Amino acid sequence: MTIRVIKCTREDIPTLQEISYETFSDTFKEQNTSENMNAYLEKAFNLIQLEKELSNPSSEFFFVSSHNELAGYLKVNIDDAQSEDMGNEALEVERIYIKSNFQKHGLGKYLLNKAIELAKVHNKTKIWLGVWEKNENAIAFYKKMGFVEIGAHSFYMGDEEQIDIILTLTIQE
């Protein structure tokens, strides 16, 4: 399997929006109302918002492809771009999504390893992320990768408050 990870640029924003809509919807549409899904998608993934996030020097987006086909993406944040203040020693994995037909092929692990590599480049000692408490497959995956639960925070899907479990991974030298 030929896997490539490519850093996103401004020219990639329409593609980033398309894969963001697709993967987020596929992951969460069954457990949420269409009104809340649409409200969240429009807020989080409109072109202006994505351009703002991509322009932040403390955030980076990466596409992952398999056999030259776009399969998913990763968004990481450091410093003041983190969605929670987890300190200067932390890198946040804010988004890691794989298209449904590419899941269970090791691409999530590949992207997590990219995040670990980026943490080391930025001299960070831990990685953290929030994952919806009802996303049992993702929680199991992160725990298998060595993440431990340290808390929780609120996440709003439209007007509905949901709970994300916060998981961290200590970076080994």
N, C-alpha and C. Protein backbone atom coordinates (compact mmCIF):
# COMPACT_ATOMS: atom_id res chain seq x y z
N MET A 1 0.85 -1.19 0.00
CA MET A 1 0.00 0.00 0.00
C MET A 1 0.88 1.24 0.00
N THR A 2 0.67 2.13 -0.95
CA THR A 2 1.41 3.38 -1.04
C THR A 2 0.67 4.45 -0.25
N ILE A 3 1.26 4.87 0.86
CA ILE A 3 0.65 5.91 1.70
C ILE A 3 1.50 7.16 1.61
N ARG A 4 0.83 8.29 1.42
CA ARG A 4 1.53 9.58 1.39
C ARG A 4 0.81 10.55 2.31
N VAL A 5 1.59 11.36 3.02
CA VAL A 5 1.04 12.44 3.85
C VAL A 5 1.56 13.74 3.27
N ILE A 6 0.64 14.65 2.96
CA ILE A 6 0.98 15.91 2.31
C ILE A 6 0.41 17.07 3.13
N LYS A 7 1.24 18.06 3.40
CA LYS A 7 0.78 19.24 4.13
C LYS A 7 -0.17 20.05 3.25
N CYS A 8 -1.28 20.49 3.84
CA CYS A 8 -2.27 21.27 3.11
C CYS A 8 -1.82 22.71 2.94
N THR A 9 -2.20 23.29 1.81
CA THR A 9 -1.94 24.70 1.53
C THR A 9 -3.28 25.39 1.27
N ARG A 10 -3.22 26.70 1.08
CA ARG A 10 -4.45 27.47 0.82
C ARG A 10 -5.21 26.94 -0.40
N GLU A 11 -4.46 26.46 -1.39
CA GLU A 11 -5.10 25.93 -2.59
C GLU A 11 -5.92 24.68 -2.30
N ASP A 12 -5.64 24.03 -1.18
CA ASP A 12 -6.34 22.80 -0.82
C ASP A 12 -7.64 23.03 -0.05
N ILE A 13 -7.98 24.27 0.25
CA ILE A 13 -9.14 24.54 1.11
C ILE A 13 -10.44 23.93 0.57
N PRO A 14 -10.76 24.05 -0.72
CA PRO A 14 -12.00 23.40 -1.18
C PRO A 14 -12.00 21.87 -0.97
N THR A 15 -10.86 21.23 -1.21
CA THR A 15 -10.75 19.79 -1.00
C THR A 15 -10.85 19.47 0.49
N LEU A 16 -10.21 20.30 1.32
CA LEU A 16 -10.28 20.12 2.77
C LEU A 16 -11.72 20.24 3.25
N GLN A 17 -12.47 21.20 2.71
CA GLN A 17 -13.87 21.35 3.10
C GLN A 17 -14.67 20.12 2.69
N GLU A 18 -14.44 19.62 1.50
CA GLU A 18 -15.17 18.47 1.01
C GLU A 18 -14.92 17.22 1.87
N ILE A 19 -13.67 16.94 2.19
CA ILE A 19 -13.37 15.76 2.99
C ILE A 19 -13.81 15.95 4.43
N SER A 20 -13.79 17.18 4.92
CA SER A 20 -14.26 17.47 6.28
C SER A 20 -15.76 17.18 6.39
N TYR A 21 -16.54 17.68 5.44
CA TYR A 21 -17.98 17.40 5.42
C TYR A 21 -18.24 15.90 5.37
N GLU A 22 -17.57 15.23 4.43
CA GLU A 22 -17.82 13.80 4.21
C GLU A 22 -17.47 12.97 5.45
N THR A 23 -16.28 13.15 5.98
CA THR A 23 -15.84 12.28 7.08
C THR A 23 -16.57 12.59 8.38
N PHE A 24 -16.83 13.87 8.65
CA PHE A 24 -17.55 14.22 9.87
C PHE A 24 -18.98 13.69 9.80
N SER A 25 -19.62 13.88 8.65
CA SER A 25 -21.00 13.38 8.49
C SER A 25 -21.06 11.87 8.62
N ASP A 26 -20.15 11.18 7.94
CA ASP A 26 -20.15 9.71 8.02
C ASP A 26 -19.95 9.22 9.45
N THR A 27 -19.15 9.94 10.21
CA THR A 27 -18.83 9.52 11.57
C THR A 27 -19.97 9.76 12.54
N PHE A 28 -20.69 10.89 12.38
CA PHE A 28 -21.62 11.31 13.43
C PHE A 28 -23.08 11.48 13.03
N LYS A 29 -23.43 11.34 11.75
CA LYS A 29 -24.81 11.65 11.34
C LYS A 29 -25.85 10.72 11.94
N GLU A 30 -25.47 9.47 12.20
CA GLU A 30 -26.45 8.52 12.73
C GLU A 30 -26.86 8.85 14.17
N GLN A 31 -26.00 9.52 14.94
CA GLN A 31 -26.28 9.79 16.35
C GLN A 31 -26.72 11.22 16.62
N ASN A 32 -26.90 12.03 15.57
CA ASN A 32 -27.25 13.43 15.76
C ASN A 32 -28.36 13.84 14.81
N THR A 33 -29.11 14.88 15.19
CA THR A 33 -30.16 15.38 14.31
C THR A 33 -29.53 16.05 13.10
N SER A 34 -30.24 16.05 11.99
CA SER A 34 -29.72 16.70 10.78
C SER A 34 -29.56 18.20 11.00
N GLU A 35 -30.43 18.80 11.83
CA GLU A 35 -30.31 20.23 12.11
C GLU A 35 -29.01 20.54 12.84
N ASN A 36 -28.68 19.74 13.86
CA ASN A 36 -27.44 19.96 14.60
C ASN A 36 -26.21 19.65 13.74
N MET A 37 -26.30 18.60 12.92
CA MET A 37 -25.19 18.28 12.02
C MET A 37 -24.95 19.43 11.05
N ASN A 38 -26.00 19.89 10.42
CA ASN A 38 -25.85 20.98 9.44
C ASN A 38 -25.32 22.24 10.08
N ALA A 39 -25.80 22.56 11.27
CA ALA A 39 -25.32 23.76 11.96
C ALA A 39 -23.83 23.64 12.26
N TYR A 40 -23.42 22.48 12.74
CA TYR A 40 -22.00 22.29 13.05
C TYR A 40 -21.14 22.33 11.79
N LEU A 41 -21.56 21.62 10.76
CA LEU A 41 -20.78 21.57 9.52
C LEU A 41 -20.59 22.98 8.95
N GLU A 42 -21.65 23.76 8.95
CA GLU A 42 -21.56 25.12 8.40
C GLU A 42 -20.64 26.00 9.24
N LYS A 43 -20.71 25.85 10.53
CA LYS A 43 -19.87 26.66 11.43
C LYS A 43 -18.40 26.25 11.35
N ALA A 44 -18.14 24.96 11.43
CA ALA A 44 -16.77 24.46 11.55
C ALA A 44 -16.03 24.39 10.21
N PHE A 45 -16.75 24.16 9.12
CA PHE A 45 -16.07 23.84 7.87
C PHE A 45 -16.40 24.79 6.73
N ASN A 46 -16.92 26.00 7.04
CA ASN A 46 -17.12 26.95 5.96
C ASN A 46 -15.74 27.42 5.47
N LEU A 47 -15.69 27.89 4.23
CA LEU A 47 -14.40 28.22 3.61
C LEU A 47 -13.64 29.30 4.38
N ILE A 48 -14.33 30.27 4.91
CA ILE A 48 -13.66 31.35 5.66
C ILE A 48 -13.03 30.78 6.94
N GLN A 49 -13.75 29.92 7.64
CA GLN A 49 -13.23 29.32 8.87
C GLN A 49 -12.01 28.44 8.57
N LEU A 50 -12.10 27.63 7.53
CA LEU A 50 -10.96 26.77 7.18
C LEU A 50 -9.75 27.58 6.77
N GLU A 51 -9.97 28.67 6.03
CA GLU A 51 -8.84 29.53 5.65
C GLU A 51 -8.20 30.17 6.88
N LYS A 52 -9.03 30.59 7.82
CA LYS A 52 -8.53 31.18 9.06
C LYS A 52 -7.67 30.16 9.82
N GLU A 53 -8.17 28.94 9.95
CA GLU A 53 -7.44 27.90 10.68
C GLU A 53 -6.14 27.55 9.96
N LEU A 54 -6.20 27.42 8.64
CA LEU A 54 -5.03 27.05 7.86
C LEU A 54 -3.97 28.16 7.88
N SER A 55 -4.41 29.41 8.03
CA SER A 55 -3.49 30.55 8.07
C SER A 55 -2.80 30.72 9.42
N ASN A 56 -3.30 30.05 10.45
CA ASN A 56 -2.72 30.17 11.78
C ASN A 56 -1.39 29.40 11.80
N PRO A 57 -0.28 30.08 12.12
CA PRO A 57 1.02 29.38 12.12
C PRO A 57 1.14 28.31 13.19
N SER A 58 0.22 28.28 14.15
CA SER A 58 0.25 27.26 15.20
C SER A 58 -0.66 26.07 14.90
N SER A 59 -1.22 26.03 13.69
CA SER A 59 -2.05 24.92 13.25
C SER A 59 -1.51 24.39 11.93
N GLU A 60 -1.64 23.07 11.75
CA GLU A 60 -1.24 22.45 10.49
C GLU A 60 -2.25 21.39 10.11
N PHE A 61 -2.53 21.29 8.80
CA PHE A 61 -3.41 20.27 8.24
C PHE A 61 -2.58 19.40 7.30
N PHE A 62 -2.91 18.11 7.29
CA PHE A 62 -2.25 17.18 6.39
C PHE A 62 -3.28 16.24 5.80
N PHE A 63 -3.15 15.99 4.48
CA PHE A 63 -3.95 14.97 3.83
C PHE A 63 -3.17 13.66 3.86
N VAL A 64 -3.90 12.55 3.96
CA VAL A 64 -3.29 11.23 3.79
C VAL A 64 -3.96 10.60 2.57
N SER A 65 -3.11 10.02 1.70
CA SER A 65 -3.65 9.33 0.53
C SER A 65 -3.14 7.90 0.52
N SER A 66 -3.93 7.05 -0.07
CA SER A 66 -3.59 5.65 -0.24
C SER A 66 -3.76 5.31 -1.71
N HIS A 67 -2.72 4.82 -2.35
CA HIS A 67 -2.75 4.52 -3.79
C HIS A 67 -3.24 5.74 -4.58
N ASN A 68 -2.71 6.91 -4.21
CA ASN A 68 -3.01 8.19 -4.88
C ASN A 68 -4.46 8.62 -4.77
N GLU A 69 -5.20 8.08 -3.81
CA GLU A 69 -6.58 8.50 -3.58
C GLU A 69 -6.67 9.12 -2.19
N LEU A 70 -7.26 10.31 -2.12
CA LEU A 70 -7.41 11.00 -0.83
C LEU A 70 -8.22 10.14 0.13
N ALA A 71 -7.63 9.87 1.31
CA ALA A 71 -8.26 8.93 2.24
C ALA A 71 -8.64 9.55 3.57
N GLY A 72 -8.06 10.70 3.92
CA GLY A 72 -8.36 11.31 5.20
C GLY A 72 -7.50 12.52 5.44
N TYR A 73 -7.60 13.05 6.68
CA TYR A 73 -6.79 14.21 7.02
C TYR A 73 -6.57 14.31 8.52
N LEU A 74 -5.60 15.15 8.86
CA LEU A 74 -5.18 15.39 10.23
C LEU A 74 -5.06 16.89 10.43
N LYS A 75 -5.50 17.37 11.60
CA LYS A 75 -5.26 18.76 11.99
C LYS A 75 -4.63 18.73 13.37
N VAL A 76 -3.49 19.42 13.51
CA VAL A 76 -2.83 19.54 14.80
C VAL A 76 -2.68 21.01 15.16
N ASN A 77 -2.66 21.27 16.47
CA ASN A 77 -2.51 22.62 17.01
C ASN A 77 -1.45 22.62 18.10
N ILE A 78 -0.71 23.72 18.16
CA ILE A 78 0.21 23.94 19.28
C ILE A 78 -0.07 25.32 19.85
N ASP A 79 0.51 25.57 20.99
CA ASP A 79 0.48 26.88 21.64
C ASP A 79 -0.94 27.43 21.73
N ASP A 80 -1.16 28.68 21.30
CA ASP A 80 -2.47 29.32 21.49
C ASP A 80 -3.54 28.82 20.52
N ALA A 81 -3.21 27.98 19.57
CA ALA A 81 -4.21 27.44 18.65
C ALA A 81 -4.96 26.25 19.26
N GLN A 82 -4.47 25.71 20.37
CA GLN A 82 -5.14 24.57 21.00
C GLN A 82 -6.55 24.97 21.44
N SER A 83 -7.49 24.05 21.32
CA SER A 83 -8.87 24.34 21.69
C SER A 83 -9.07 24.36 23.20
N GLU A 84 -8.13 23.84 23.96
CA GLU A 84 -8.09 23.92 25.43
C GLU A 84 -6.67 24.29 25.81
N ASP A 85 -6.51 25.01 26.89
CA ASP A 85 -5.17 25.36 27.35
C ASP A 85 -4.55 24.15 28.06
N MET A 86 -3.73 23.44 27.33
CA MET A 86 -3.07 22.25 27.89
C MET A 86 -1.58 22.50 28.10
N GLY A 87 -1.18 23.77 27.96
CA GLY A 87 0.21 24.12 28.22
C GLY A 87 1.08 24.13 26.98
N ASN A 88 2.24 24.74 27.14
CA ASN A 88 3.17 24.89 26.02
C ASN A 88 3.87 23.60 25.63
N GLU A 89 3.79 22.58 26.50
CA GLU A 89 4.47 21.31 26.19
C GLU A 89 3.57 20.35 25.41
N ALA A 90 2.37 20.81 25.04
CA ALA A 90 1.39 19.91 24.41
C ALA A 90 1.14 20.25 22.94
N LEU A 91 0.85 19.19 22.18
CA LEU A 91 0.35 19.30 20.82
C LEU A 91 -1.04 18.67 20.82
N GLU A 92 -2.00 19.35 20.25
CA GLU A 92 -3.37 18.84 20.16
C GLU A 92 -3.62 18.21 18.80
N VAL A 93 -4.19 17.04 18.79
CA VAL A 93 -4.75 16.45 17.58
C VAL A 93 -6.22 16.85 17.60
N GLU A 94 -6.56 17.92 16.87
CA GLU A 94 -7.94 18.41 16.90
C GLU A 94 -8.85 17.58 15.99
N ARG A 95 -8.32 17.17 14.85
CA ARG A 95 -9.12 16.37 13.92
C ARG A 95 -8.24 15.28 13.31
N ILE A 96 -8.78 14.09 13.27
CA ILE A 96 -8.15 12.98 12.57
C ILE A 96 -9.30 12.15 12.02
N TYR A 97 -9.48 12.21 10.72
CA TYR A 97 -10.60 11.54 10.07
C TYR A 97 -10.14 10.75 8.87
N ILE A 98 -10.67 9.55 8.73
CA ILE A 98 -10.39 8.67 7.61
C ILE A 98 -11.72 8.35 6.93
N LYS A 99 -11.76 8.46 5.60
CA LYS A 99 -12.98 8.09 4.86
C LYS A 99 -13.36 6.65 5.21
N SER A 100 -14.66 6.38 5.25
CA SER A 100 -15.14 5.08 5.71
C SER A 100 -14.56 3.91 4.90
N ASN A 101 -14.39 4.07 3.59
CA ASN A 101 -13.88 2.95 2.79
C ASN A 101 -12.37 2.73 2.96
N PHE A 102 -11.70 3.60 3.72
CA PHE A 102 -10.27 3.44 4.00
C PHE A 102 -10.00 3.08 5.46
N GLN A 103 -11.05 2.98 6.25
CA GLN A 103 -10.85 2.65 7.66
C GLN A 103 -10.41 1.21 7.82
N LYS A 104 -9.71 0.96 8.93
CA LYS A 104 -9.18 -0.38 9.25
C LYS A 104 -8.03 -0.79 8.32
N HIS A 105 -7.36 0.21 7.72
CA HIS A 105 -6.21 -0.05 6.85
C HIS A 105 -4.92 0.51 7.44
N GLY A 106 -4.96 0.98 8.69
CA GLY A 106 -3.75 1.51 9.32
C GLY A 106 -3.48 2.98 9.09
N LEU A 107 -4.39 3.67 8.42
CA LEU A 107 -4.15 5.09 8.11
C LEU A 107 -4.27 5.99 9.33
N GLY A 108 -5.18 5.66 10.25
CA GLY A 108 -5.29 6.43 11.49
C GLY A 108 -4.00 6.35 12.28
N LYS A 109 -3.44 5.16 12.37
CA LYS A 109 -2.16 4.97 13.06
C LYS A 109 -1.06 5.75 12.35
N TYR A 110 -1.09 5.75 11.04
CA TYR A 110 -0.12 6.49 10.25
C TYR A 110 -0.19 7.99 10.57
N LEU A 111 -1.42 8.53 10.64
CA LEU A 111 -1.59 9.95 10.95
C LEU A 111 -1.20 10.25 12.40
N LEU A 112 -1.52 9.34 13.32
CA LEU A 112 -1.10 9.56 14.71
C LEU A 112 0.42 9.58 14.82
N ASN A 113 1.08 8.71 14.08
CA ASN A 113 2.54 8.72 14.07
C ASN A 113 3.08 10.03 13.49
N LYS A 114 2.38 10.60 12.51
CA LYS A 114 2.75 11.91 11.97
C LYS A 114 2.62 12.97 13.06
N ALA A 115 1.56 12.90 13.86
CA ALA A 115 1.37 13.85 14.96
C ALA A 115 2.50 13.72 15.99
N ILE A 116 2.91 12.49 16.28
CA ILE A 116 4.02 12.27 17.22
C ILE A 116 5.30 12.88 16.66
N GLU A 117 5.53 12.66 15.38
CA GLU A 117 6.71 13.24 14.72
C GLU A 117 6.68 14.78 14.82
N LEU A 118 5.51 15.37 14.57
CA LEU A 118 5.37 16.83 14.66
C LEU A 118 5.59 17.32 16.09
N ALA A 119 5.09 16.58 17.06
CA ALA A 119 5.30 16.96 18.46
C ALA A 119 6.79 17.01 18.77
N LYS A 120 7.53 16.03 18.31
CA LYS A 120 8.97 16.01 18.54
C LYS A 120 9.66 17.18 17.85
N VAL A 121 9.25 17.49 16.61
CA VAL A 121 9.82 18.63 15.88
C VAL A 121 9.61 19.93 16.65
N HIS A 122 8.43 20.05 17.28
CA HIS A 122 8.09 21.27 18.02
C HIS A 122 8.49 21.19 19.50
N ASN A 123 9.26 20.16 19.86
CA ASN A 123 9.73 19.98 21.24
C ASN A 123 8.59 19.88 22.25
N LYS A 124 7.54 19.18 21.89
CA LYS A 124 6.41 18.94 22.78
C LYS A 124 6.59 17.59 23.46
N THR A 125 6.12 17.48 24.69
CA THR A 125 6.30 16.24 25.45
C THR A 125 5.01 15.42 25.57
N LYS A 126 3.89 15.98 25.10
CA LYS A 126 2.65 15.20 25.13
C LYS A 126 1.74 15.60 23.98
N ILE A 127 0.89 14.65 23.61
CA ILE A 127 -0.16 14.86 22.62
C ILE A 127 -1.49 14.66 23.35
N TRP A 128 -2.46 15.47 23.00
CA TRP A 128 -3.79 15.29 23.60
C TRP A 128 -4.85 15.44 22.52
N LEU A 129 -6.02 14.92 22.83
CA LEU A 129 -7.16 15.05 21.93
C LEU A 129 -8.43 14.84 22.72
N GLY A 130 -9.52 15.31 22.15
CA GLY A 130 -10.84 15.07 22.71
C GLY A 130 -11.60 14.15 21.77
N VAL A 131 -12.29 13.16 22.33
CA VAL A 131 -13.05 12.23 21.51
C VAL A 131 -14.42 12.03 22.16
N TRP A 132 -15.47 12.07 21.35
CA TRP A 132 -16.83 11.95 21.85
C TRP A 132 -16.97 10.67 22.66
N GLU A 133 -17.57 10.79 23.83
CA GLU A 133 -17.70 9.66 24.74
C GLU A 133 -18.45 8.48 24.13
N LYS A 134 -19.26 8.72 23.11
CA LYS A 134 -20.01 7.65 22.46
C LYS A 134 -19.27 7.02 21.27
N ASN A 135 -18.10 7.55 20.94
CA ASN A 135 -17.32 7.04 19.82
C ASN A 135 -16.37 5.95 20.34
N GLU A 136 -16.97 4.80 20.65
CA GLU A 136 -16.24 3.72 21.31
C GLU A 136 -15.09 3.16 20.48
N ASN A 137 -15.27 3.09 19.16
CA ASN A 137 -14.18 2.59 18.30
C ASN A 137 -12.97 3.50 18.37
N ALA A 138 -13.19 4.80 18.32
CA ALA A 138 -12.08 5.74 18.39
C ALA A 138 -11.39 5.68 19.76
N ILE A 139 -12.17 5.61 20.81
CA ILE A 139 -11.60 5.55 22.16
C ILE A 139 -10.73 4.30 22.30
N ALA A 140 -11.23 3.18 21.82
CA ALA A 140 -10.46 1.93 21.88
C ALA A 140 -9.16 2.06 21.07
N PHE A 141 -9.25 2.68 19.91
CA PHE A 141 -8.06 2.87 19.07
C PHE A 141 -7.01 3.71 19.80
N TYR A 142 -7.44 4.84 20.36
CA TYR A 142 -6.47 5.72 21.04
C TYR A 142 -5.85 5.04 22.25
N LYS A 143 -6.66 4.31 23.00
CA LYS A 143 -6.11 3.60 24.16
C LYS A 143 -5.12 2.52 23.72
N LYS A 144 -5.42 1.86 22.62
CA LYS A 144 -4.49 0.87 22.08
C LYS A 144 -3.17 1.53 21.68
N MET A 145 -3.25 2.77 21.25
CA MET A 145 -2.05 3.52 20.84
C MET A 145 -1.30 4.11 22.04
N GLY A 146 -1.82 3.91 23.27
CA GLY A 146 -1.11 4.36 24.46
C GLY A 146 -1.67 5.58 25.14
N PHE A 147 -2.76 6.13 24.62
CA PHE A 147 -3.38 7.30 25.24
C PHE A 147 -4.07 6.89 26.54
N VAL A 148 -4.09 7.82 27.50
CA VAL A 148 -4.79 7.60 28.76
C VAL A 148 -5.80 8.74 28.98
N GLU A 149 -6.89 8.40 29.61
CA GLU A 149 -7.96 9.37 29.89
C GLU A 149 -7.55 10.25 31.07
N ILE A 150 -7.69 11.58 30.88
CA ILE A 150 -7.35 12.50 31.97
C ILE A 150 -8.50 13.43 32.36
N GLY A 151 -9.59 13.39 31.62
CA GLY A 151 -10.70 14.29 31.94
C GLY A 151 -11.72 14.33 30.82
N ALA A 152 -12.50 15.41 30.80
CA ALA A 152 -13.55 15.58 29.80
C ALA A 152 -13.83 17.06 29.62
N HIS A 153 -14.43 17.39 28.49
CA HIS A 153 -14.90 18.76 28.28
C HIS A 153 -16.15 18.74 27.39
N SER A 154 -16.83 19.85 27.35
CA SER A 154 -18.05 19.97 26.54
C SER A 154 -17.69 20.23 25.08
N PHE A 155 -18.53 19.68 24.22
CA PHE A 155 -18.42 19.89 22.78
C PHE A 155 -19.85 20.15 22.31
N TYR A 156 -20.04 21.18 21.49
CA TYR A 156 -21.39 21.51 21.05
C TYR A 156 -21.62 21.12 19.60
N MET A 157 -22.61 20.25 19.42
CA MET A 157 -23.06 19.85 18.10
C MET A 157 -24.35 20.61 17.87
N GLY A 158 -24.23 21.74 17.16
CA GLY A 158 -25.38 22.62 17.04
C GLY A 158 -25.74 23.13 18.41
N ASP A 159 -26.99 22.90 18.84
CA ASP A 159 -27.41 23.39 20.16
C ASP A 159 -27.32 22.31 21.25
N GLU A 160 -26.78 21.14 20.90
CA GLU A 160 -26.71 20.05 21.87
C GLU A 160 -25.31 19.95 22.49
N GLU A 161 -25.29 19.99 23.81
CA GLU A 161 -24.02 19.80 24.52
C GLU A 161 -23.70 18.31 24.58
N GLN A 162 -22.49 17.96 24.18
CA GLN A 162 -22.02 16.59 24.25
C GLN A 162 -20.72 16.58 25.06
N ILE A 163 -20.29 15.41 25.46
CA ILE A 163 -19.08 15.30 26.27
C ILE A 163 -17.98 14.60 25.48
N ASP A 164 -16.82 15.25 25.41
CA ASP A 164 -15.63 14.65 24.84
C ASP A 164 -14.72 14.20 25.98
N ILE A 165 -14.21 13.00 25.85
CA ILE A 165 -13.20 12.51 26.79
C ILE A 165 -11.85 13.05 26.32
N ILE A 166 -11.07 13.56 27.26
CA ILE A 166 -9.74 14.05 26.92
C ILE A 166 -8.72 12.95 27.21
N LEU A 167 -7.94 12.63 26.18
CA LEU A 167 -6.92 11.59 26.27
C LEU A 167 -5.55 12.21 25.99
N THR A 168 -4.53 11.73 26.68
CA THR A 168 -3.17 12.23 26.43
C THR A 168 -2.21 11.06 26.20
N LEU A 169 -1.14 11.39 25.51
CA LEU A 169 -0.06 10.45 25.26
C LEU A 169 1.25 11.17 25.56
N THR A 170 2.07 10.59 26.41
CA THR A 170 3.38 11.15 26.69
C THR A 170 4.33 10.72 25.58
N ILE A 171 5.05 11.68 25.04
CA ILE A 171 5.99 11.41 23.95
C ILE A 171 7.29 10.85 24.52
N GLN A 172 7.70 9.72 23.96
CA GLN A 172 8.97 9.10 24.36
C GLN A 172 10.08 9.69 23.50
N GLU A 173 11.22 9.89 24.11
CA GLU A 173 12.38 10.43 23.37
C GLU A 173 12.85 9.45 22.34
